């Protein structure tokens, strides 16, 4: 993964990072992402994969930028590749976002 991509996301999301650090990542994301769970029960470090999946599936551009600024693109990529179930559109988007082939995702290989 090119280093300049990581730097570009970091520079574009500096205010988002500050907001995330103040309020916590989950509280700074769109409320509709976690409508079915108690926000207080979600731990940013313990539930990384769950948070990444929700943001990729249901989040907007702002949510995705905040996710990357909080965790880093490499952590988001690592967690995204381990998700067991993504719809085809989200898989294609995630593949483009982290610049990895769809075949490198667990959800792709388990579907085959």
N, C-alpha and C. Protein backbone atom coordinates (compact mmCIF):
# COMPACT_ATOMS: atom_id res chain seq x y z
N UNK A 1 0.85 -1.17 0.00
CA UNK A 1 0.00 0.00 0.00
C UNK A 1 0.89 1.23 0.00
N UNK A 2 0.69 2.14 -0.93
CA UNK A 2 1.53 3.32 -1.01
C UNK A 2 1.39 4.20 0.23
N UNK A 3 2.52 4.70 0.68
CA UNK A 3 2.52 5.52 1.88
C UNK A 3 1.76 6.83 1.66
N UNK A 4 1.84 7.40 0.46
CA UNK A 4 1.17 8.68 0.21
C UNK A 4 -0.35 8.56 0.34
N UNK A 5 -0.93 7.38 0.09
CA UNK A 5 -2.36 7.19 0.27
C UNK A 5 -2.72 7.34 1.73
N UNK A 6 -1.94 6.72 2.60
CA UNK A 6 -2.17 6.82 4.04
C UNK A 6 -2.05 8.27 4.50
N UNK A 7 -1.06 8.97 3.99
CA UNK A 7 -0.86 10.37 4.37
C UNK A 7 -2.00 11.24 3.88
N UNK A 8 -2.52 10.95 2.67
CA UNK A 8 -3.62 11.73 2.13
C UNK A 8 -4.86 11.59 3.01
N UNK A 9 -5.17 10.36 3.42
CA UNK A 9 -6.32 10.15 4.30
C UNK A 9 -6.09 10.83 5.64
N UNK A 10 -4.89 10.75 6.17
CA UNK A 10 -4.59 11.37 7.46
C UNK A 10 -4.76 12.87 7.39
N UNK A 11 -4.26 13.48 6.35
CA UNK A 11 -4.36 14.94 6.22
C UNK A 11 -5.81 15.37 6.03
N UNK A 12 -6.57 14.61 5.27
CA UNK A 12 -7.96 14.98 5.00
C UNK A 12 -8.84 14.80 6.22
N UNK A 13 -8.41 14.00 7.17
CA UNK A 13 -9.27 13.64 8.30
C UNK A 13 -8.78 14.16 9.63
N UNK A 14 -7.89 15.13 9.64
CA UNK A 14 -7.34 15.57 10.91
C UNK A 14 -8.40 16.09 11.86
N UNK A 15 -9.38 16.83 11.37
CA UNK A 15 -10.45 17.31 12.25
C UNK A 15 -11.34 16.15 12.68
N UNK A 16 -11.54 15.18 11.82
CA UNK A 16 -12.31 13.99 12.19
C UNK A 16 -11.62 13.21 13.28
N UNK A 17 -10.31 13.11 13.23
CA UNK A 17 -9.55 12.41 14.25
C UNK A 17 -9.71 13.09 15.60
N UNK A 18 -9.63 14.41 15.60
CA UNK A 18 -9.79 15.15 16.85
C UNK A 18 -11.18 14.92 17.44
N UNK A 19 -12.20 14.93 16.59
CA UNK A 19 -13.56 14.68 17.03
C UNK A 19 -13.70 13.27 17.59
N UNK A 20 -13.07 12.30 16.94
CA UNK A 20 -13.14 10.92 17.40
C UNK A 20 -12.46 10.75 18.75
N UNK A 21 -11.33 11.40 18.92
CA UNK A 21 -10.62 11.29 20.19
C UNK A 21 -11.40 11.92 21.33
N UNK A 22 -12.11 13.00 21.05
CA UNK A 22 -12.90 13.67 22.08
C UNK A 22 -14.11 12.84 22.47
N UNK A 23 -14.88 12.39 21.49
CA UNK A 23 -16.15 11.72 21.74
C UNK A 23 -16.07 10.20 21.70
N UNK A 24 -15.04 9.65 21.14
CA UNK A 24 -14.98 8.22 20.86
C UNK A 24 -15.44 7.98 19.44
N UNK A 25 -14.88 7.00 18.79
CA UNK A 25 -15.18 6.75 17.38
C UNK A 25 -16.67 6.48 17.16
N UNK A 26 -17.23 5.56 17.92
CA UNK A 26 -18.61 5.14 17.68
C UNK A 26 -19.57 6.31 17.86
N UNK A 27 -19.34 7.14 18.84
CA UNK A 27 -20.22 8.28 19.07
C UNK A 27 -20.07 9.36 18.01
N UNK A 28 -18.95 9.39 17.33
CA UNK A 28 -18.74 10.41 16.30
C UNK A 28 -19.26 9.97 14.92
N UNK A 29 -19.58 8.69 14.77
CA UNK A 29 -20.12 8.19 13.50
C UNK A 29 -21.62 8.44 13.43
N UNK A 30 -22.19 8.27 12.25
CA UNK A 30 -23.64 8.44 12.06
C UNK A 30 -24.41 7.50 12.97
N UNK A 31 -25.45 8.01 13.59
CA UNK A 31 -26.25 7.23 14.54
C UNK A 31 -26.93 6.04 13.87
N UNK A 32 -27.25 6.16 12.59
CA UNK A 32 -27.97 5.10 11.89
C UNK A 32 -27.14 3.82 11.73
N UNK A 33 -25.82 3.92 11.88
CA UNK A 33 -24.97 2.75 11.73
C UNK A 33 -25.19 1.72 12.84
N UNK A 34 -25.51 2.21 14.02
CA UNK A 34 -25.62 1.34 15.18
C UNK A 34 -26.99 1.46 15.84
N UNK A 35 -28.02 1.56 15.04
CA UNK A 35 -29.37 1.74 15.55
C UNK A 35 -29.85 0.54 16.35
N UNK A 36 -29.32 -0.64 16.09
CA UNK A 36 -29.83 -1.86 16.70
C UNK A 36 -29.03 -2.35 17.90
N UNK A 37 -27.98 -1.61 18.28
CA UNK A 37 -27.17 -2.00 19.43
C UNK A 37 -26.98 -0.80 20.35
N UNK A 38 -26.65 -1.09 21.58
CA UNK A 38 -26.37 -0.02 22.52
C UNK A 38 -24.97 0.52 22.25
N UNK A 39 -24.87 1.80 21.97
CA UNK A 39 -23.57 2.41 21.66
C UNK A 39 -22.61 2.27 22.83
N UNK A 40 -23.13 2.33 24.04
CA UNK A 40 -22.29 2.21 25.23
C UNK A 40 -21.62 0.85 25.34
N UNK A 41 -22.20 -0.17 24.73
CA UNK A 41 -21.65 -1.52 24.82
C UNK A 41 -20.55 -1.79 23.79
N UNK A 42 -20.31 -0.87 22.88
CA UNK A 42 -19.32 -1.08 21.82
C UNK A 42 -17.98 -0.48 22.25
N UNK A 43 -16.96 -1.32 22.28
CA UNK A 43 -15.60 -0.89 22.59
C UNK A 43 -14.81 -0.78 21.28
N UNK A 44 -14.17 0.37 21.06
CA UNK A 44 -13.47 0.60 19.79
C UNK A 44 -12.36 -0.43 19.52
N UNK A 45 -11.65 -0.86 20.54
CA UNK A 45 -10.56 -1.81 20.32
C UNK A 45 -11.04 -3.25 20.28
N UNK A 46 -12.02 -3.59 21.08
CA UNK A 46 -12.53 -4.96 21.14
C UNK A 46 -13.39 -5.31 19.93
N UNK A 47 -14.16 -4.37 19.44
CA UNK A 47 -15.12 -4.62 18.37
C UNK A 47 -14.73 -3.98 17.04
N UNK A 48 -13.45 -3.94 16.75
CA UNK A 48 -12.96 -3.29 15.51
C UNK A 48 -13.64 -3.83 14.27
N UNK A 49 -13.65 -5.14 14.14
CA UNK A 49 -14.19 -5.75 12.91
C UNK A 49 -15.66 -5.42 12.73
N UNK A 50 -16.42 -5.45 13.80
CA UNK A 50 -17.84 -5.11 13.75
C UNK A 50 -18.03 -3.66 13.30
N UNK A 51 -17.23 -2.76 13.85
CA UNK A 51 -17.32 -1.34 13.49
C UNK A 51 -16.94 -1.14 12.04
N UNK A 52 -15.86 -1.76 11.61
CA UNK A 52 -15.41 -1.63 10.21
C UNK A 52 -16.48 -2.16 9.27
N UNK A 53 -17.07 -3.29 9.59
CA UNK A 53 -18.10 -3.85 8.72
C UNK A 53 -19.31 -2.93 8.62
N UNK A 54 -19.78 -2.40 9.73
CA UNK A 54 -20.93 -1.51 9.72
C UNK A 54 -20.65 -0.25 8.90
N UNK A 55 -19.47 0.31 9.07
CA UNK A 55 -19.14 1.54 8.34
C UNK A 55 -19.03 1.25 6.84
N UNK A 56 -18.39 0.15 6.47
CA UNK A 56 -18.27 -0.18 5.05
C UNK A 56 -19.64 -0.45 4.43
N UNK A 57 -20.51 -1.15 5.15
CA UNK A 57 -21.81 -1.51 4.60
C UNK A 57 -22.80 -0.36 4.57
N UNK A 58 -22.80 0.47 5.61
CA UNK A 58 -23.87 1.45 5.77
C UNK A 58 -23.40 2.90 5.89
N UNK A 59 -22.10 3.12 6.01
CA UNK A 59 -21.59 4.46 6.26
C UNK A 59 -21.46 5.31 5.02
N UNK A 60 -21.39 6.60 5.25
CA UNK A 60 -21.15 7.55 4.18
C UNK A 60 -19.66 7.91 4.11
N UNK A 61 -19.34 8.83 3.26
CA UNK A 61 -17.94 9.24 3.07
C UNK A 61 -17.35 9.77 4.38
N UNK A 62 -18.11 10.58 5.08
CA UNK A 62 -17.63 11.14 6.35
C UNK A 62 -17.32 10.03 7.35
N UNK A 63 -18.18 9.03 7.43
CA UNK A 63 -17.98 7.91 8.35
C UNK A 63 -16.72 7.13 7.98
N UNK A 64 -16.52 6.91 6.70
CA UNK A 64 -15.35 6.15 6.24
C UNK A 64 -14.07 6.93 6.54
N UNK A 65 -14.09 8.22 6.33
CA UNK A 65 -12.92 9.03 6.65
C UNK A 65 -12.60 9.00 8.14
N UNK A 66 -13.63 9.08 8.97
CA UNK A 66 -13.41 9.03 10.41
C UNK A 66 -12.87 7.67 10.83
N UNK A 67 -13.38 6.61 10.24
CA UNK A 67 -12.91 5.26 10.53
C UNK A 67 -11.42 5.14 10.22
N UNK A 68 -11.03 5.59 9.04
CA UNK A 68 -9.63 5.51 8.62
C UNK A 68 -8.74 6.40 9.48
N UNK A 69 -9.23 7.57 9.83
CA UNK A 69 -8.40 8.46 10.65
C UNK A 69 -8.24 7.93 12.06
N UNK A 70 -9.21 7.19 12.56
CA UNK A 70 -9.12 6.64 13.91
C UNK A 70 -8.22 5.40 13.95
N UNK A 71 -8.46 4.46 13.05
CA UNK A 71 -7.72 3.18 13.07
C UNK A 71 -6.49 3.16 12.18
N UNK A 72 -6.47 3.87 11.09
CA UNK A 72 -5.47 3.88 10.01
C UNK A 72 -5.96 2.96 8.89
N UNK A 73 -5.54 3.27 7.70
CA UNK A 73 -5.97 2.50 6.53
C UNK A 73 -5.48 1.05 6.61
N UNK A 74 -4.30 0.83 7.14
CA UNK A 74 -3.78 -0.54 7.22
C UNK A 74 -4.58 -1.39 8.20
N UNK A 75 -5.02 -0.83 9.31
CA UNK A 75 -5.85 -1.58 10.27
C UNK A 75 -7.22 -1.85 9.66
N UNK A 76 -7.81 -0.87 9.01
CA UNK A 76 -9.11 -1.06 8.35
C UNK A 76 -8.98 -2.15 7.29
N UNK A 77 -7.90 -2.14 6.53
CA UNK A 77 -7.68 -3.16 5.51
C UNK A 77 -7.57 -4.55 6.12
N UNK A 78 -6.82 -4.66 7.19
CA UNK A 78 -6.64 -5.95 7.87
C UNK A 78 -7.97 -6.50 8.39
N UNK A 79 -8.74 -5.64 9.02
CA UNK A 79 -10.04 -6.07 9.55
C UNK A 79 -11.02 -6.38 8.42
N UNK A 80 -11.04 -5.58 7.38
CA UNK A 80 -11.96 -5.79 6.26
C UNK A 80 -11.70 -7.13 5.58
N UNK A 81 -10.44 -7.49 5.44
CA UNK A 81 -10.11 -8.77 4.80
C UNK A 81 -10.58 -9.97 5.62
N UNK A 82 -10.77 -9.79 6.92
CA UNK A 82 -11.19 -10.89 7.79
C UNK A 82 -12.70 -10.99 8.00
N UNK A 83 -13.46 -10.05 7.47
CA UNK A 83 -14.92 -10.10 7.61
C UNK A 83 -15.47 -11.30 6.85
N UNK A 84 -16.35 -12.06 7.48
CA UNK A 84 -16.85 -13.29 6.87
C UNK A 84 -17.98 -13.08 5.89
N UNK A 85 -18.68 -11.96 5.98
CA UNK A 85 -19.85 -11.77 5.11
C UNK A 85 -19.96 -10.30 4.69
N UNK A 86 -19.80 -10.03 3.41
CA UNK A 86 -20.04 -8.71 2.82
C UNK A 86 -20.83 -8.91 1.54
N UNK A 87 -21.77 -8.01 1.29
CA UNK A 87 -22.50 -8.10 0.03
C UNK A 87 -21.54 -7.75 -1.12
N UNK A 88 -21.83 -8.16 -2.34
CA UNK A 88 -20.92 -7.95 -3.47
C UNK A 88 -20.53 -6.49 -3.71
N UNK A 89 -21.45 -5.57 -3.53
CA UNK A 89 -21.15 -4.15 -3.76
C UNK A 89 -20.17 -3.64 -2.70
N UNK A 90 -20.41 -3.99 -1.45
CA UNK A 90 -19.51 -3.56 -0.37
C UNK A 90 -18.14 -4.21 -0.53
N UNK A 91 -18.10 -5.46 -0.93
CA UNK A 91 -16.83 -6.13 -1.18
C UNK A 91 -16.05 -5.42 -2.28
N UNK A 92 -16.70 -5.07 -3.35
CA UNK A 92 -16.04 -4.36 -4.44
C UNK A 92 -15.52 -3.00 -3.98
N UNK A 93 -16.33 -2.27 -3.20
CA UNK A 93 -15.91 -0.98 -2.67
C UNK A 93 -14.72 -1.13 -1.74
N UNK A 94 -14.79 -2.09 -0.82
CA UNK A 94 -13.69 -2.31 0.12
C UNK A 94 -12.41 -2.69 -0.61
N UNK A 95 -12.54 -3.49 -1.65
CA UNK A 95 -11.40 -3.88 -2.46
C UNK A 95 -10.72 -2.67 -3.09
N UNK A 96 -11.52 -1.76 -3.60
CA UNK A 96 -10.97 -0.53 -4.19
C UNK A 96 -10.39 0.40 -3.13
N UNK A 97 -11.06 0.50 -1.99
CA UNK A 97 -10.63 1.38 -0.92
C UNK A 97 -9.25 1.00 -0.40
N UNK A 98 -9.01 -0.28 -0.21
CA UNK A 98 -7.72 -0.71 0.36
C UNK A 98 -6.74 -1.20 -0.71
N UNK A 99 -7.17 -1.12 -1.96
CA UNK A 99 -6.30 -1.47 -3.08
C UNK A 99 -5.79 -2.92 -2.99
N UNK A 100 -6.73 -3.83 -2.73
CA UNK A 100 -6.44 -5.26 -2.66
C UNK A 100 -7.45 -6.00 -3.50
N UNK A 101 -7.08 -7.12 -4.11
CA UNK A 101 -8.05 -7.87 -4.92
C UNK A 101 -9.14 -8.50 -4.04
N UNK A 102 -10.32 -8.66 -4.61
CA UNK A 102 -11.43 -9.27 -3.88
C UNK A 102 -11.08 -10.66 -3.37
N UNK A 103 -10.23 -11.36 -4.09
CA UNK A 103 -9.85 -12.72 -3.71
C UNK A 103 -9.11 -12.77 -2.38
N UNK A 104 -8.57 -11.65 -1.92
CA UNK A 104 -7.83 -11.63 -0.66
C UNK A 104 -8.75 -11.48 0.56
N UNK A 105 -10.06 -11.35 0.34
CA UNK A 105 -11.03 -11.20 1.42
C UNK A 105 -11.59 -12.55 1.82
N UNK A 106 -11.74 -12.77 3.10
CA UNK A 106 -12.28 -14.02 3.61
C UNK A 106 -13.71 -14.25 3.11
N UNK A 107 -14.49 -13.18 3.01
CA UNK A 107 -15.88 -13.35 2.55
C UNK A 107 -15.92 -13.81 1.10
N UNK A 108 -14.94 -13.46 0.30
CA UNK A 108 -14.89 -13.91 -1.10
C UNK A 108 -14.54 -15.40 -1.15
N UNK A 109 -13.54 -15.80 -0.41
CA UNK A 109 -13.11 -17.19 -0.47
C UNK A 109 -14.13 -18.13 0.18
N UNK A 110 -14.86 -17.68 1.20
CA UNK A 110 -15.86 -18.54 1.82
C UNK A 110 -17.12 -18.67 0.94
N UNK A 111 -17.35 -17.71 0.08
CA UNK A 111 -18.50 -17.75 -0.82
C UNK A 111 -18.26 -18.69 -1.99
N UNK A 112 -17.03 -18.90 -2.37
CA UNK A 112 -16.72 -19.72 -3.54
C UNK A 112 -16.91 -21.19 -3.30
